[in-house]
């Protein structure tokens, strides 16, 4: 037992070191895109702003630094592509002297190959994203009250990393798939109170579902050491179907297309010769 515990702690320490190193490298490199505190966008023409909503209109190489509170970033299925380091979406502090970024929603994005896919601190929502190939898929560094829901977090060194945090996080209805090791699906270091983790799909869960309700009969233990025991008490037997939401302009576009077709059909009928 002591040997297993020691091995787990070594894995945690190494993972934290890797994420920290990626953060140091990220400081040296500029982000590809900035959403400034005044609402302006710098570094790309592939983000369309409508009030508090920032909608991607194409793929972007490099990460996005968010400096604005009360912001919605809608990826509409497009990709942030990294080069193995830095952060895909950075929702941490604006500057050492400024408050933490809060009330930001990140949704419908594909985030690939960063040191950290999404880094969040306080009162932010991460929903409906696909995060893969990162050292840490999602990192919660301090703060509290983050919602992580309906994401697919796959093939990362660490799925979700929570460190030095005040807790009260909700992690639910996510697909945790093939992250490097069972102990690396979720790593928690110095967290109080415990996060609320329930009804997630874990690709390495090998339990049964005797009553056929889609929920495993025994909890999924995602970390188990002498210091803390964490589990998903309602592990899902099948992945969550994560369907990206339509961007805000899609209903209008569909309406215009339907209207154009109706007008074309009506004109064709008017041109038909009349028969007695």
C-alpha atoms as a PDB file:
ATOM      1  CA  UNK A   1       0.000   0.000   0.000  1.00  0.00           C
ATOM      2  CA  UNK A   2       2.815   2.396   0.895  1.00  0.00           C
ATOM      3  CA  UNK A   3       4.573   1.621  -2.378  1.00  0.00           C
ATOM      4  CA  UNK A   4       1.377   2.303  -4.365  1.00  0.00           C
ATOM      5  CA  UNK A   5       0.822   5.558  -2.491  1.00  0.00           C
ATOM      6  CA  UNK A   6       4.374   6.694  -3.092  1.00  0.00           C
ATOM      7  CA  UNK A   7       4.088   5.930  -6.808  1.00  0.00           C
ATOM      8  CA  UNK A   8       0.857   7.913  -7.042  1.00  0.00           C
ATOM      9  CA  UNK A   9       2.420  10.910  -5.303  1.00  0.00           C
ATOM     10  CA  UNK A  10       5.417  10.771  -7.631  1.00  0.00           C
ATOM     11  CA  UNK A  11       3.061  10.831 -10.628  1.00  0.00           C
ATOM     12  CA  UNK A  12       1.225  13.835  -9.180  1.00  0.00           C
ATOM     13  CA  UNK A  13       4.439  15.759  -8.504  1.00  0.00           C
ATOM     14  CA  UNK A  14       5.808  15.053 -11.992  1.00  0.00           C
ATOM     15  CA  UNK A  15       2.518  16.077 -13.593  1.00  0.00           C
ATOM     16  CA  UNK A  16       2.485  19.360 -11.675  1.00  0.00           C
ATOM     17  CA  UNK A  17       6.063  19.999 -12.705  1.00  0.00           C
ATOM     18  CA  UNK A  18       5.259  19.418 -16.372  1.00  0.00           C
ATOM     19  CA  UNK A  19       2.291  21.771 -16.265  1.00  0.00           C
ATOM     20  CA  UNK A  20       4.352  24.403 -14.448  1.00  0.00           C
ATOM     21  CA  UNK A  21       7.108  24.176 -17.050  1.00  0.00           C
ATOM     22  CA  UNK A  22       4.570  24.558 -19.841  1.00  0.00           C
ATOM     23  CA  UNK A  23       3.269  27.660 -18.077  1.00  0.00           C
ATOM     24  CA  UNK A  24       6.782  29.114 -17.882  1.00  0.00           C
ATOM     25  CA  UNK A  25       7.305  28.562 -21.586  1.00  0.00           C
ATOM     26  CA  UNK A  26       3.922  30.136 -22.272  1.00  0.00           C
ATOM     27  CA  UNK A  27       4.945  33.336 -20.489  1.00  0.00           C
ATOM     28  CA  UNK A  28       7.866  33.723 -22.882  1.00  0.00           C
ATOM     29  CA  UNK A  29       5.695  33.227 -25.952  1.00  0.00           C
ATOM     30  CA  UNK A  30       2.902  35.600 -26.880  1.00  0.00           C
ATOM     31  CA  UNK A  31      -0.621  34.299 -27.233  1.00  0.00           C
ATOM     32  CA  UNK A  32      -1.981  34.186 -30.766  1.00  0.00           C
ATOM     33  CA  UNK A  33      -5.161  36.037 -29.774  1.00  0.00           C
ATOM     34  CA  UNK A  34      -6.157  38.431 -27.004  1.00  0.00           C
ATOM     35  CA  UNK A  35      -9.661  39.348 -25.894  1.00  0.00           C
ATOM     36  CA  UNK A  36      -8.872  42.612 -24.149  1.00  0.00           C
ATOM     37  CA  UNK A  37     -10.528  44.037 -21.062  1.00  0.00           C
ATOM     38  CA  UNK A  38     -12.208  46.708 -23.256  1.00  0.00           C
ATOM     39  CA  UNK A  39     -13.788  43.965 -25.402  1.00  0.00           C
ATOM     40  CA  UNK A  40     -11.555  44.317 -28.432  1.00  0.00           C
ATOM     41  CA  UNK A  41     -10.005  41.307 -30.194  1.00  0.00           C
ATOM     42  CA  UNK A  42      -6.353  41.300 -31.232  1.00  0.00           C
ATOM     43  CA  UNK A  43      -4.455  38.791 -33.354  1.00  0.00           C
ATOM     44  CA  UNK A  44      -7.149  37.317 -35.593  1.00  0.00           C
ATOM     45  CA  UNK A  45     -10.070  38.092 -37.884  1.00  0.00           C
ATOM     46  CA  UNK A  46     -11.623  34.694 -37.123  1.00  0.00           C
ATOM     47  CA  UNK A  47     -13.546  35.823 -34.062  1.00  0.00           C
ATOM     48  CA  UNK A  48     -16.824  37.696 -34.507  1.00  0.00           C
ATOM     49  CA  UNK A  49     -18.037  39.765 -31.568  1.00  0.00           C
ATOM     50  CA  UNK A  50     -21.693  40.414 -30.747  1.00  0.00           C
ATOM     51  CA  UNK A  51     -21.896  42.079 -27.342  1.00  0.00           C
ATOM     52  CA  UNK A  52     -20.556  39.621 -24.775  1.00  0.00           C
ATOM     53  CA  UNK A  53     -20.467  36.720 -27.265  1.00  0.00           C
ATOM     54  CA  UNK A  54     -17.272  35.947 -29.201  1.00  0.00           C
ATOM     55  CA  UNK A  55     -17.859  33.411 -31.987  1.00  0.00           C
ATOM     56  CA  UNK A  56     -15.102  31.635 -33.897  1.00  0.00           C
ATOM     57  CA  UNK A  57     -15.535  31.626 -37.668  1.00  0.00           C
ATOM     58  CA  UNK A  58     -12.476  29.480 -38.445  1.00  0.00           C
ATOM     59  CA  UNK A  59      -9.602  27.481 -36.969  1.00  0.00           C
ATOM     60  CA  UNK A  60      -6.897  29.348 -35.029  1.00  0.00           C
ATOM     61  CA  UNK A  61      -3.259  28.350 -34.486  1.00  0.00           C
ATOM     62  CA  UNK A  62      -2.189  29.238 -30.963  1.00  0.00           C
ATOM     63  CA  UNK A  63      -3.907  30.134 -27.720  1.00  0.00           C
ATOM     64  CA  UNK A  64      -6.391  32.779 -26.605  1.00  0.00           C
ATOM     65  CA  UNK A  65      -5.748  34.986 -23.578  1.00  0.00           C
ATOM     66  CA  UNK A  66      -9.005  36.278 -22.075  1.00  0.00           C
ATOM     67  CA  UNK A  67      -8.748  39.533 -20.111  1.00  0.00           C
ATOM     68  CA  UNK A  68     -12.478  40.313 -19.960  1.00  0.00           C
ATOM     69  CA  UNK A  69     -15.115  39.128 -17.468  1.00  0.00           C
ATOM     70  CA  UNK A  70     -18.711  38.218 -18.381  1.00  0.00           C
ATOM     71  CA  UNK A  71     -17.690  36.789 -21.742  1.00  0.00           C
ATOM     72  CA  UNK A  72     -18.927  33.853 -23.837  1.00  0.00           C
ATOM     73  CA  UNK A  73     -16.511  32.192 -26.258  1.00  0.00           C
ATOM     74  CA  UNK A  74     -18.374  29.968 -28.734  1.00  0.00           C
ATOM     75  CA  UNK A  75     -16.066  27.810 -30.856  1.00  0.00           C
ATOM     76  CA  UNK A  76     -18.922  26.553 -33.107  1.00  0.00           C
ATOM     77  CA  UNK A  77     -16.862  23.380 -33.622  1.00  0.00           C
ATOM     78  CA  UNK A  78     -13.668  25.101 -34.827  1.00  0.00           C
ATOM     79  CA  UNK A  79     -10.195  24.195 -33.543  1.00  0.00           C
ATOM     80  CA  UNK A  80      -7.498  25.881 -31.491  1.00  0.00           C
ATOM     81  CA  UNK A  81      -4.310  24.115 -32.568  1.00  0.00           C
ATOM     82  CA  UNK A  82      -1.249  24.254 -30.347  1.00  0.00           C
ATOM     83  CA  UNK A  83       2.365  23.171 -30.702  1.00  0.00           C
ATOM     84  CA  UNK A  84       2.711  21.195 -27.475  1.00  0.00           C
ATOM     85  CA  UNK A  85       3.113  24.042 -24.996  1.00  0.00           C
ATOM     86  CA  UNK A  86       1.358  27.109 -23.624  1.00  0.00           C
ATOM     87  CA  UNK A  87      -2.384  27.380 -22.979  1.00  0.00           C
ATOM     88  CA  UNK A  88      -5.272  26.952 -25.382  1.00  0.00           C
ATOM     89  CA  UNK A  89      -7.656  29.171 -23.401  1.00  0.00           C
ATOM     90  CA  UNK A  90      -6.239  31.133 -20.482  1.00  0.00           C
ATOM     91  CA  UNK A  91      -8.838  32.348 -17.974  1.00  0.00           C
ATOM     92  CA  UNK A  92      -6.389  33.145 -15.200  1.00  0.00           C
ATOM     93  CA  UNK A  93      -5.493  36.643 -14.005  1.00  0.00           C
ATOM     94  CA  UNK A  94      -5.189  39.594 -16.359  1.00  0.00           C
ATOM     95  CA  UNK A  95      -1.989  40.797 -14.687  1.00  0.00           C
ATOM     96  CA  UNK A  96      -0.343  40.300 -11.267  1.00  0.00           C
ATOM     97  CA  UNK A  97      -2.142  43.371  -9.927  1.00  0.00           C
ATOM     98  CA  UNK A  98      -5.585  42.652 -11.408  1.00  0.00           C
ATOM     99  CA  UNK A  99      -8.451  40.464 -10.130  1.00  0.00           C
ATOM    100  CA  UNK A 100      -9.092  36.980 -11.428  1.00  0.00           C
ATOM    101  CA  UNK A 101     -11.062  36.480 -14.623  1.00  0.00           C
ATOM    102  CA  UNK A 102     -14.589  35.263 -13.812  1.00  0.00           C
ATOM    103  CA  UNK A 103     -17.998  34.554 -15.351  1.00  0.00           C
ATOM    104  CA  UNK A 104     -16.522  33.363 -18.639  1.00  0.00           C
ATOM    105  CA  UNK A 105     -18.080  30.515 -20.627  1.00  0.00           C
ATOM    106  CA  UNK A 106     -16.035  28.483 -23.101  1.00  0.00           C
ATOM    107  CA  UNK A 107     -18.093  26.148 -25.285  1.00  0.00           C
ATOM    108  CA  UNK A 108     -18.091  24.150 -28.509  1.00  0.00           C
ATOM    109  CA  UNK A 109     -14.322  24.352 -29.073  1.00  0.00           C
ATOM    110  CA  UNK A 110     -11.835  21.727 -30.171  1.00  0.00           C
ATOM    111  CA  UNK A 111      -8.556  22.340 -28.326  1.00  0.00           C
ATOM    112  CA  UNK A 112      -5.558  20.245 -29.321  1.00  0.00           C
ATOM    113  CA  UNK A 113      -1.905  19.864 -28.402  1.00  0.00           C
ATOM    114  CA  UNK A 114      -1.219  22.488 -25.741  1.00  0.00           C
ATOM    115  CA  UNK A 115       0.591  22.336 -22.425  1.00  0.00           C
ATOM    116  CA  UNK A 116      -2.786  23.143 -20.851  1.00  0.00           C
ATOM    117  CA  UNK A 117      -5.995  23.006 -22.863  1.00  0.00           C
ATOM    118  CA  UNK A 118      -8.000  25.375 -20.644  1.00  0.00           C
ATOM    119  CA  UNK A 119      -6.727  27.069 -17.504  1.00  0.00           C
ATOM    120  CA  UNK A 120      -9.417  28.491 -15.235  1.00  0.00           C
ATOM    121  CA  UNK A 121      -9.510  29.953 -11.755  1.00  0.00           C
ATOM    122  CA  UNK A 122     -12.833  31.294 -10.542  1.00  0.00           C
ATOM    123  CA  UNK A 123     -16.544  31.029 -11.395  1.00  0.00           C
ATOM    124  CA  UNK A 124     -16.158  29.997 -15.025  1.00  0.00           C
ATOM    125  CA  UNK A 125     -18.058  27.490 -17.180  1.00  0.00           C
ATOM    126  CA  UNK A 126     -16.425  24.991 -19.549  1.00  0.00           C
ATOM    127  CA  UNK A 127     -19.056  23.154 -21.555  1.00  0.00           C
ATOM    128  CA  UNK A 128     -19.278  21.044 -24.703  1.00  0.00           C
ATOM    129  CA  UNK A 129     -15.577  21.154 -25.684  1.00  0.00           C
ATOM    130  CA  UNK A 130     -13.239  18.502 -27.101  1.00  0.00           C
ATOM    131  CA  UNK A 131      -9.787  18.685 -25.508  1.00  0.00           C
ATOM    132  CA  UNK A 132      -7.041  16.303 -26.607  1.00  0.00           C
ATOM    133  CA  UNK A 133      -3.291  15.830 -26.766  1.00  0.00           C
ATOM    134  CA  UNK A 134      -2.410  18.204 -23.904  1.00  0.00           C
ATOM    135  CA  UNK A 135      -0.244  17.784 -20.815  1.00  0.00           C
ATOM    136  CA  UNK A 136      -3.314  18.861 -18.801  1.00  0.00           C
ATOM    137  CA  UNK A 137      -6.685  18.951 -20.511  1.00  0.00           C
ATOM    138  CA  UNK A 138      -8.224  21.337 -17.965  1.00  0.00           C
ATOM    139  CA  UNK A 139      -6.327  22.967 -15.126  1.00  0.00           C
ATOM    140  CA  UNK A 140      -8.098  24.628 -12.187  1.00  0.00           C
ATOM    141  CA  UNK A 141      -5.470  26.661 -10.373  1.00  0.00           C
ATOM    142  CA  UNK A 142      -6.877  28.131  -7.195  1.00  0.00           C
ATOM    143  CA  UNK A 143     -10.311  29.725  -6.986  1.00  0.00           C
ATOM    144  CA  UNK A 144     -13.637  27.941  -6.770  1.00  0.00           C
ATOM    145  CA  UNK A 145     -17.081  27.393  -8.309  1.00  0.00           C
ATOM    146  CA  UNK A 146     -16.126  26.243 -11.795  1.00  0.00           C
ATOM    147  CA  UNK A 147     -18.559  24.133 -13.842  1.00  0.00           C
ATOM    148  CA  UNK A 148     -17.058  21.506 -16.171  1.00  0.00           C
ATOM    149  CA  UNK A 149     -19.813  19.777 -18.113  1.00  0.00           C
ATOM    150  CA  UNK A 150     -20.405  17.839 -21.344  1.00  0.00           C
ATOM    151  CA  UNK A 151     -16.763  17.935 -22.427  1.00  0.00           C
ATOM    152  CA  UNK A 152     -14.786  15.146 -24.047  1.00  0.00           C
ATOM    153  CA  UNK A 153     -11.311  15.072 -22.501  1.00  0.00           C
ATOM    154  CA  UNK A 154      -9.254  12.496 -24.352  1.00  0.00           C
ATOM    155  CA  UNK A 155      -5.673  11.320 -24.792  1.00  0.00           C
ATOM    156  CA  UNK A 156      -4.092  13.879 -22.488  1.00  0.00           C
ATOM    157  CA  UNK A 157      -1.280  13.226 -20.024  1.00  0.00           C
ATOM    158  CA  UNK A 158      -3.682  14.446 -17.311  1.00  0.00           C
ATOM    159  CA  UNK A 159      -7.420  14.850 -17.874  1.00  0.00           C
ATOM    160  CA  UNK A 160      -8.321  17.412 -15.201  1.00  0.00           C
ATOM    161  CA  UNK A 161      -5.765  18.861 -12.789  1.00  0.00           C
ATOM    162  CA  UNK A 162      -7.035  20.725  -9.711  1.00  0.00           C
ATOM    163  CA  UNK A 163      -4.463  22.295  -7.407  1.00  0.00           C
ATOM    164  CA  UNK A 164      -4.470  24.716  -4.455  1.00  0.00           C
ATOM    165  CA  UNK A 165      -8.185  25.272  -4.952  1.00  0.00           C
ATOM    166  CA  UNK A 166     -11.046  26.323  -2.718  1.00  0.00           C
ATOM    167  CA  UNK A 167     -13.298  23.613  -4.103  1.00  0.00           C
ATOM    168  CA  UNK A 168     -17.034  23.779  -4.852  1.00  0.00           C
ATOM    169  CA  UNK A 169     -16.343  22.752  -8.441  1.00  0.00           C
ATOM    170  CA  UNK A 170     -18.908  20.697 -10.366  1.00  0.00           C
ATOM    171  CA  UNK A 171     -17.609  18.085 -12.816  1.00  0.00           C
ATOM    172  CA  UNK A 172     -20.435  16.195 -14.511  1.00  0.00           C
ATOM    173  CA  UNK A 173     -21.474  14.492 -17.758  1.00  0.00           C
ATOM    174  CA  UNK A 174     -17.969  14.553 -19.224  1.00  0.00           C
ATOM    175  CA  UNK A 175     -16.281  11.849 -21.283  1.00  0.00           C
ATOM    176  CA  UNK A 176     -12.891  10.990 -19.775  1.00  0.00           C
ATOM    177  CA  UNK A 177     -11.251   8.870 -22.455  1.00  0.00           C
ATOM    178  CA  UNK A 178      -7.797   7.275 -22.580  1.00  0.00           C
ATOM    179  CA  UNK A 179      -5.990   9.837 -20.481  1.00  0.00           C
ATOM    180  CA  UNK A 180      -2.553   8.393 -19.790  1.00  0.00           C
ATOM    181  CA  UNK A 181      -3.297   6.394 -16.623  1.00  0.00           C
ATOM    182  CA  UNK A 182      -6.302   5.777 -14.365  1.00  0.00           C
ATOM    183  CA  UNK A 183      -4.764   7.999 -11.692  1.00  0.00           C
ATOM    184  CA  UNK A 184      -4.359  10.748 -14.274  1.00  0.00           C
ATOM    185  CA  UNK A 185      -8.012  11.146 -15.278  1.00  0.00           C
ATOM    186  CA  UNK A 186      -8.428  13.622 -12.434  1.00  0.00           C
ATOM    187  CA  UNK A 187      -5.553  14.707 -10.180  1.00  0.00           C
ATOM    188  CA  UNK A 188      -6.373  16.725  -7.075  1.00  0.00           C
ATOM    189  CA  UNK A 189      -3.802  18.382  -4.849  1.00  0.00           C
ATOM    190  CA  UNK A 190      -4.641  20.345  -1.690  1.00  0.00           C
ATOM    191  CA  UNK A 191      -8.344  20.892  -2.341  1.00  0.00           C
ATOM    192  CA  UNK A 192     -11.065  21.673   0.196  1.00  0.00           C
ATOM    193  CA  UNK A 193     -13.938  21.003   0.109  1.00  0.00           C
ATOM    194  CA  UNK A 194     -14.121  18.132  -2.355  1.00  0.00           C
ATOM    195  CA  UNK A 195     -15.469  18.848  -5.852  1.00  0.00           C
ATOM    196  CA  UNK A 196     -18.861  17.495  -6.851  1.00  0.00           C
ATOM    197  CA  UNK A 197     -18.007  14.781  -9.373  1.00  0.00           C
ATOM    198  CA  UNK A 198     -20.869  12.652 -10.679  1.00  0.00           C
ATOM    199  CA  UNK A 199     -22.282  10.987 -13.788  1.00  0.00           C
ATOM    200  CA  UNK A 200     -19.143  11.105 -15.943  1.00  0.00           C
ATOM    201  CA  UNK A 201     -18.018   8.454 -18.415  1.00  0.00           C
ATOM    202  CA  UNK A 202     -14.611   6.915 -17.637  1.00  0.00           C
ATOM    203  CA  UNK A 203     -13.126   4.790 -20.418  1.00  0.00           C
ATOM    204  CA  UNK A 204     -11.215   2.569 -17.967  1.00  0.00           C
ATOM    205  CA  UNK A 205     -14.201   1.866 -15.712  1.00  0.00           C
ATOM    206  CA  UNK A 206     -14.803  -1.881 -15.589  1.00  0.00           C
ATOM    207  CA  UNK A 207     -17.875  -2.067 -13.358  1.00  0.00           C
ATOM    208  CA  UNK A 208     -21.246  -3.627 -14.112  1.00  0.00           C
ATOM    209  CA  UNK A 209     -24.781  -2.267 -14.479  1.00  0.00           C
ATOM    210  CA  UNK A 210     -27.085  -4.952 -13.067  1.00  0.00           C
ATOM    211  CA  UNK A 211     -30.293  -2.890 -13.199  1.00  0.00           C
ATOM    212  CA  UNK A 212     -29.615  -1.471 -16.675  1.00  0.00           C
ATOM    213  CA  UNK A 213     -30.071   2.162 -15.690  1.00  0.00           C
ATOM    214  CA  UNK A 214     -26.886   3.253 -17.486  1.00  0.00           C
ATOM    215  CA  UNK A 215     -25.036   3.933 -14.219  1.00  0.00           C
ATOM    216  CA  UNK A 216     -22.340   1.635 -12.838  1.00  0.00           C
ATOM    217  CA  UNK A 217     -23.112  -0.355  -9.718  1.00  0.00           C
ATOM    218  CA  UNK A 218     -19.938   0.690  -7.914  1.00  0.00           C
ATOM    219  CA  UNK A 219     -18.114   4.040  -7.777  1.00  0.00           C
ATOM    220  CA  UNK A 220     -15.237   4.913 -10.060  1.00  0.00           C
ATOM    221  CA  UNK A 221     -12.193   5.725  -7.912  1.00  0.00           C
ATOM    222  CA  UNK A 222     -10.183   8.307  -9.816  1.00  0.00           C
ATOM    223  CA  UNK A 223      -7.637   8.949  -7.084  1.00  0.00           C
ATOM    224  CA  UNK A 224      -6.974   6.940  -3.953  1.00  0.00           C
ATOM    225  CA  UNK A 225      -4.105   7.753  -1.598  1.00  0.00           C
ATOM    226  CA  UNK A 226      -3.536   7.742   2.151  1.00  0.00           C
ATOM    227  CA  UNK A 227      -4.425  11.432   2.165  1.00  0.00           C
ATOM    228  CA  UNK A 228      -7.639  11.554   0.126  1.00  0.00           C
ATOM    229  CA  UNK A 229     -10.189   9.325  -1.524  1.00  0.00           C
ATOM    230  CA  UNK A 230     -12.223  10.692  -4.399  1.00  0.00           C
ATOM    231  CA  UNK A 231     -14.791   8.945  -6.538  1.00  0.00           C
ATOM    232  CA  UNK A 232     -17.566   9.374  -9.063  1.00  0.00           C
ATOM    233  CA  UNK A 233     -20.437   7.623  -7.297  1.00  0.00           C
ATOM    234  CA  UNK A 234     -22.557   7.474 -10.476  1.00  0.00           C
ATOM    235  CA  UNK A 235     -20.193   6.531 -13.327  1.00  0.00           C
ATOM    236  CA  UNK A 236     -21.890   6.310 -16.711  1.00  0.00           C
ATOM    237  CA  UNK A 237     -21.648   3.083 -18.689  1.00  0.00           C
ATOM    238  CA  UNK A 238     -21.733   4.814 -22.090  1.00  0.00           C
ATOM    239  CA  UNK A 239     -20.171   8.064 -23.336  1.00  0.00           C
ATOM    240  CA  UNK A 240     -22.201  11.244 -23.157  1.00  0.00           C
ATOM    241  CA  UNK A 241     -23.440  12.325 -26.611  1.00  0.00           C
ATOM    242  CA  UNK A 242     -21.903  15.787 -26.830  1.00  0.00           C
ATOM    243  CA  UNK A 243     -23.534  17.783 -29.636  1.00  0.00           C
ATOM    244  CA  UNK A 244     -22.218  21.315 -30.208  1.00  0.00           C
ATOM    245  CA  UNK A 245     -24.838  24.006 -29.988  1.00  0.00           C
ATOM    246  CA  UNK A 246     -25.745  26.010 -33.075  1.00  0.00           C
ATOM    247  CA  UNK A 247     -24.039  29.401 -33.213  1.00  0.00           C
ATOM    248  CA  UNK A 248     -26.373  32.320 -32.672  1.00  0.00           C
ATOM    249  CA  UNK A 249     -26.605  33.144 -36.389  1.00  0.00           C
ATOM    250  CA  UNK A 250     -27.543  29.599 -37.524  1.00  0.00           C
ATOM    251  CA  UNK A 251     -31.356  29.840 -36.977  1.00  0.00           C
ATOM    252  CA  UNK A 252     -31.434  33.075 -39.005  1.00  0.00           C
ATOM    253  CA  UNK A 253     -29.413  31.472 -41.808  1.00  0.00           C
ATOM    254  CA  UNK A 254     -31.709  28.432 -41.905  1.00  0.00           C
ATOM    255  CA  UNK A 255     -34.753  30.701 -41.985  1.00  0.00           C
ATOM    256  CA  UNK A 256     -33.346  32.656 -44.942  1.00  0.00           C
ATOM    257  CA  UNK A 257     -32.559  29.450 -46.853  1.00  0.00           C
ATOM    258  CA  UNK A 258     -36.071  28.080 -46.293  1.00  0.00           C
ATOM    259  CA  UNK A 259     -37.589  31.407 -47.346  1.00  0.00           C
ATOM    260  CA  UNK A 260     -35.473  31.515 -50.522  1.00  0.00           C
ATOM    261  CA  UNK A 261     -36.552  27.985 -51.478  1.00  0.00           C
ATOM    262  CA  UNK A 262     -40.212  28.818 -50.853  1.00  0.00           C
ATOM    263  CA  UNK A 263     -39.987  31.945 -53.043  1.00  0.00           C
ATOM    264  CA  UNK A 264     -38.293  29.975 -55.847  1.00  0.00           C
ATOM    265  CA  UNK A 265     -41.030  27.308 -55.785  1.00  0.00           C
ATOM    266  CA  UNK A 266     -43.736  29.966 -55.809  1.00  0.00           C
ATOM    267  CA  UNK A 267     -42.173  31.741 -58.828  1.00  0.00           C
ATOM    268  CA  UNK A 268     -41.919  28.465 -60.749  1.00  0.00           C
ATOM    269  CA  UNK A 269     -45.604  27.819 -60.184  1.00  0.00           C
ATOM    270  CA  UNK A 270     -46.471  31.315 -61.435  1.00  0.00           C
ATOM    271  CA  UNK A 271     -44.537  30.676 -64.678  1.00  0.00           C
ATOM    272  CA  UNK A 272     -46.378  27.439 -65.455  1.00  0.00           C
ATOM    273  CA  UNK A 273     -48.851  27.774 -68.367  1.00  0.00           C
ATOM    274  CA  UNK A 274     -52.490  27.712 -67.294  1.00  0.00           C
ATOM    275  CA  UNK A 275     -54.583  24.810 -68.678  1.00  0.00           C
ATOM    276  CA  UNK A 276     -58.377  24.744 -68.988  1.00  0.00           C
END
